[in-house]
Amino acid sequence: MTTRRHFRSVSMKNAIWILLHDADCPVPHEDLRSPDQLAEGLSGIAAIGIALVIPRAAEAGLRVCNGSVDLVNVAIGYETDEGLRTEGWWTITSNACSQIIQEPLSSARYYLHVADGFSESRLAGDITLCIREEKFVLYDGDQCWQRGLIEADFFQIETEGAPDWTVLLSYD
């Protein structure tokens, strides 16, 4: 089975942000078998082959992987039946991934805000939405200042209807 990969890179603020589609993430996965068990024969190889072909349900959704040397804080935005929803924060350490959305993606468009440990935006965006400094879930991304909220740029991610998507953040 051939996995189709979609790559999009964006250079901003001395960084390259690469968007990936599929289960690729730069963080090593835990070994499910010891080397002795894998050497026992074709059954070990067949099990690995099946594991690579069949995605696990826990992998569906939106993942953000931080390939940079800095800690980042992530907020997302997406359309729901109740309107445009923004929520945050997920803190992602260097060379780690975080599963932001735990279920298959239902929208073709998501928005991502990335800030460093000093709350400075690290990714210019296509749309301005509302955030808070503390954890939040908000609806309606306009009139931030009038509502006592902070305006922030969010970068648009086009998932093309894929059930899972990985965003890799890395410096050039």
Protein backbone atom coordinates (compact mmCIF):
# COMPACT_ATOMS: atom_id res chain seq x y z
CA MET A 1 0.00 0.00 0.00
CA THR A 2 1.41 3.40 -0.93
CA THR A 3 0.99 6.26 1.51
CA ARG A 4 0.35 9.63 -0.10
CA ARG A 5 2.27 12.40 1.62
CA HIS A 6 1.44 16.09 1.39
CA PHE A 7 4.17 18.56 2.25
CA ARG A 8 3.86 22.32 2.57
CA SER A 9 6.56 24.47 4.06
CA VAL A 10 6.31 28.07 5.11
CA SER A 11 9.33 30.22 6.02
CA MET A 12 8.56 32.81 8.67
CA LYS A 13 10.53 34.34 11.54
CA ASN A 14 13.67 32.31 10.75
CA ALA A 15 11.71 29.08 10.84
CA ILE A 16 10.30 26.58 8.39
CA TRP A 17 6.96 25.04 9.32
CA ILE A 18 6.24 21.86 7.38
CA LEU A 19 2.75 20.39 7.14
CA LEU A 20 2.55 16.64 6.67
CA HIS A 21 -0.32 14.31 5.97
CA ASP A 22 -0.05 10.77 7.32
CA ALA A 23 1.25 9.15 10.47
CA ASP A 24 4.83 10.45 10.13
CA CYS A 25 6.18 12.13 13.24
CA PRO A 26 9.85 12.75 14.04
CA VAL A 27 9.57 11.26 17.50
CA PRO A 28 10.67 7.62 17.86
CA HIS A 29 7.93 5.11 18.61
CA GLU A 30 8.27 2.60 21.41
CA ASP A 31 9.32 -0.87 20.32
CA LEU A 32 6.47 -3.33 20.64
CA ARG A 33 8.76 -6.36 20.46
CA SER A 34 12.28 -7.10 21.62
CA PRO A 35 14.97 -7.87 18.98
CA ASP A 36 14.88 -11.55 20.01
CA GLN A 37 11.14 -11.75 19.38
CA LEU A 38 11.50 -10.12 15.97
CA ALA A 39 14.17 -12.61 14.99
CA GLU A 40 11.87 -15.58 15.69
CA GLY A 41 10.66 -15.73 12.13
CA LEU A 42 8.20 -14.46 9.60
CA SER A 43 5.44 -14.02 12.15
CA GLY A 44 7.31 -11.07 13.65
CA ILE A 45 7.89 -9.56 10.20
CA ALA A 46 4.25 -10.08 9.22
CA ALA A 47 3.09 -8.39 12.42
CA ILE A 48 5.28 -5.38 11.71
CA GLY A 49 4.01 -5.22 8.11
CA ILE A 50 0.39 -5.27 9.27
CA ALA A 51 1.07 -2.61 11.90
CA LEU A 52 2.54 -0.33 9.22
CA VAL A 53 -0.40 -0.80 6.83
CA ILE A 54 -3.33 -0.54 9.27
CA PRO A 55 -3.48 2.81 11.07
CA ARG A 56 -4.44 2.67 14.70
CA ALA A 57 -7.56 4.57 15.77
CA ALA A 58 -5.52 6.57 18.29
CA GLU A 59 -3.50 8.04 15.41
CA ALA A 60 -6.49 9.62 13.69
CA GLY A 61 -6.89 13.35 14.23
CA LEU A 62 -4.58 16.33 14.35
CA ARG A 63 -1.02 15.96 15.68
CA VAL A 64 1.54 18.72 16.10
CA CYS A 65 5.18 17.70 16.31
CA ASN A 66 7.81 20.14 17.53
CA GLY A 67 11.09 19.51 15.71
CA SER A 68 12.58 22.78 16.96
CA VAL A 69 14.87 23.23 19.96
CA ASP A 70 12.31 25.46 21.72
CA LEU A 71 9.20 24.69 23.71
CA VAL A 72 6.05 25.88 21.92
CA ASN A 73 2.46 26.50 23.00
CA VAL A 74 -0.26 25.68 20.47
CA ALA A 75 -3.86 26.80 20.06
CA ILE A 76 -6.23 25.64 17.33
CA GLY A 77 -9.33 26.91 15.61
CA TYR A 78 -11.96 25.08 13.55
CA GLU A 79 -15.58 25.26 12.43
CA THR A 80 -18.25 23.50 14.51
CA ASP A 81 -22.05 23.46 14.46
CA GLU A 82 -21.93 26.18 17.15
CA GLY A 83 -19.58 28.39 15.08
CA LEU A 84 -15.86 28.98 14.88
CA ARG A 85 -14.18 27.44 17.95
CA THR A 86 -10.73 28.25 19.27
CA GLU A 87 -9.06 26.38 22.09
CA GLY A 88 -5.68 26.13 23.74
CA TRP A 89 -3.15 25.50 25.12
CA TRP A 90 -1.03 22.46 24.34
CA THR A 91 2.58 22.77 25.43
CA ILE A 92 4.93 20.76 23.23
CA THR A 93 8.55 20.31 24.25
CA SER A 94 11.43 20.02 21.81
CA ASN A 95 11.36 16.87 19.63
CA ALA A 96 7.95 15.78 20.89
CA CYS A 97 4.44 15.43 19.45
CA SER A 98 1.03 16.17 20.89
CA GLN A 99 -2.26 14.71 19.68
CA ILE A 100 -4.38 17.89 19.56
CA ILE A 101 -7.58 16.35 18.15
CA GLN A 102 -8.18 12.73 19.19
CA GLU A 103 -10.75 11.71 16.56
CA PRO A 104 -10.82 11.61 12.75
CA LEU A 105 -10.86 15.12 11.33
CA SER A 106 -14.24 16.29 10.09
CA SER A 107 -13.28 19.64 8.58
CA ALA A 108 -11.11 20.42 5.56
CA ARG A 109 -9.71 23.51 7.28
CA TYR A 110 -8.10 24.04 10.68
CA TYR A 111 -6.22 27.01 12.10
CA LEU A 112 -3.03 26.85 14.16
CA HIS A 113 -1.46 29.46 16.45
CA VAL A 114 2.08 28.77 17.67
CA ALA A 115 3.71 30.80 20.45
CA ASP A 116 7.07 30.39 22.15
CA GLY A 117 7.56 30.16 25.92
CA PHE A 118 7.39 33.98 26.15
CA SER A 119 3.96 34.07 24.40
CA GLU A 120 5.51 35.55 21.24
CA SER A 121 3.86 34.36 18.04
CA ARG A 122 6.18 32.08 16.03
CA LEU A 123 4.01 31.68 12.94
CA ALA A 124 2.35 34.45 10.93
CA GLY A 125 -1.21 33.66 10.07
CA ASP A 126 -3.97 33.88 7.51
CA ILE A 127 -6.74 34.74 9.98
CA THR A 128 -7.06 36.60 13.29
CA LEU A 129 -8.94 34.80 16.07
CA CYS A 130 -9.35 35.28 19.82
CA ILE A 131 -7.27 33.60 22.54
CA ARG A 132 -6.64 33.91 26.28
CA GLU A 133 -3.39 33.60 28.21
CA GLU A 134 -4.78 30.70 30.28
CA LYS A 135 -6.44 27.53 28.95
CA PHE A 136 -9.55 28.37 26.97
CA VAL A 137 -12.39 27.29 24.71
CA LEU A 138 -14.00 30.18 22.83
CA TYR A 139 -16.57 30.63 20.08
CA ASP A 140 -16.77 33.42 17.51
CA GLY A 141 -13.35 34.76 16.62
CA ASP A 142 -14.23 38.43 16.20
CA GLN A 143 -14.42 41.48 18.50
CA CYS A 144 -11.65 40.13 20.72
CA TRP A 145 -10.78 43.40 22.45
CA GLN A 146 -14.41 44.23 23.17
CA ARG A 147 -14.77 40.84 24.86
CA GLY A 148 -11.59 41.21 26.94
CA LEU A 149 -9.68 38.68 24.80
CA ILE A 150 -6.39 38.75 22.87
CA GLU A 151 -6.19 38.85 19.06
CA ALA A 152 -3.79 36.30 17.56
CA ASP A 153 -2.79 35.24 14.05
CA PHE A 154 -3.69 31.67 13.13
CA PHE A 155 -2.12 29.80 10.21
CA GLN A 156 -4.61 27.95 7.98
CA ILE A 157 -4.11 24.21 7.48
CA GLU A 158 -5.88 22.62 4.50
CA THR A 159 -6.39 18.94 5.35
CA GLU A 160 -8.07 18.09 2.02
CA GLY A 161 -10.62 16.00 3.93
CA ALA A 162 -8.00 13.61 5.34
CA PRO A 163 -9.00 11.90 8.62
CA ASP A 164 -5.60 12.56 10.15
CA TRP A 165 -2.97 15.24 9.69
CA THR A 166 0.43 15.93 11.23
CA VAL A 167 2.04 19.35 11.46
CA LEU A 168 5.82 19.36 11.89
CA LEU A 169 7.32 22.55 13.34
CA SER A 170 11.05 23.00 12.72
CA TYR A 171 13.67 25.71 12.35
CA ASP A 172 15.69 25.89 9.14
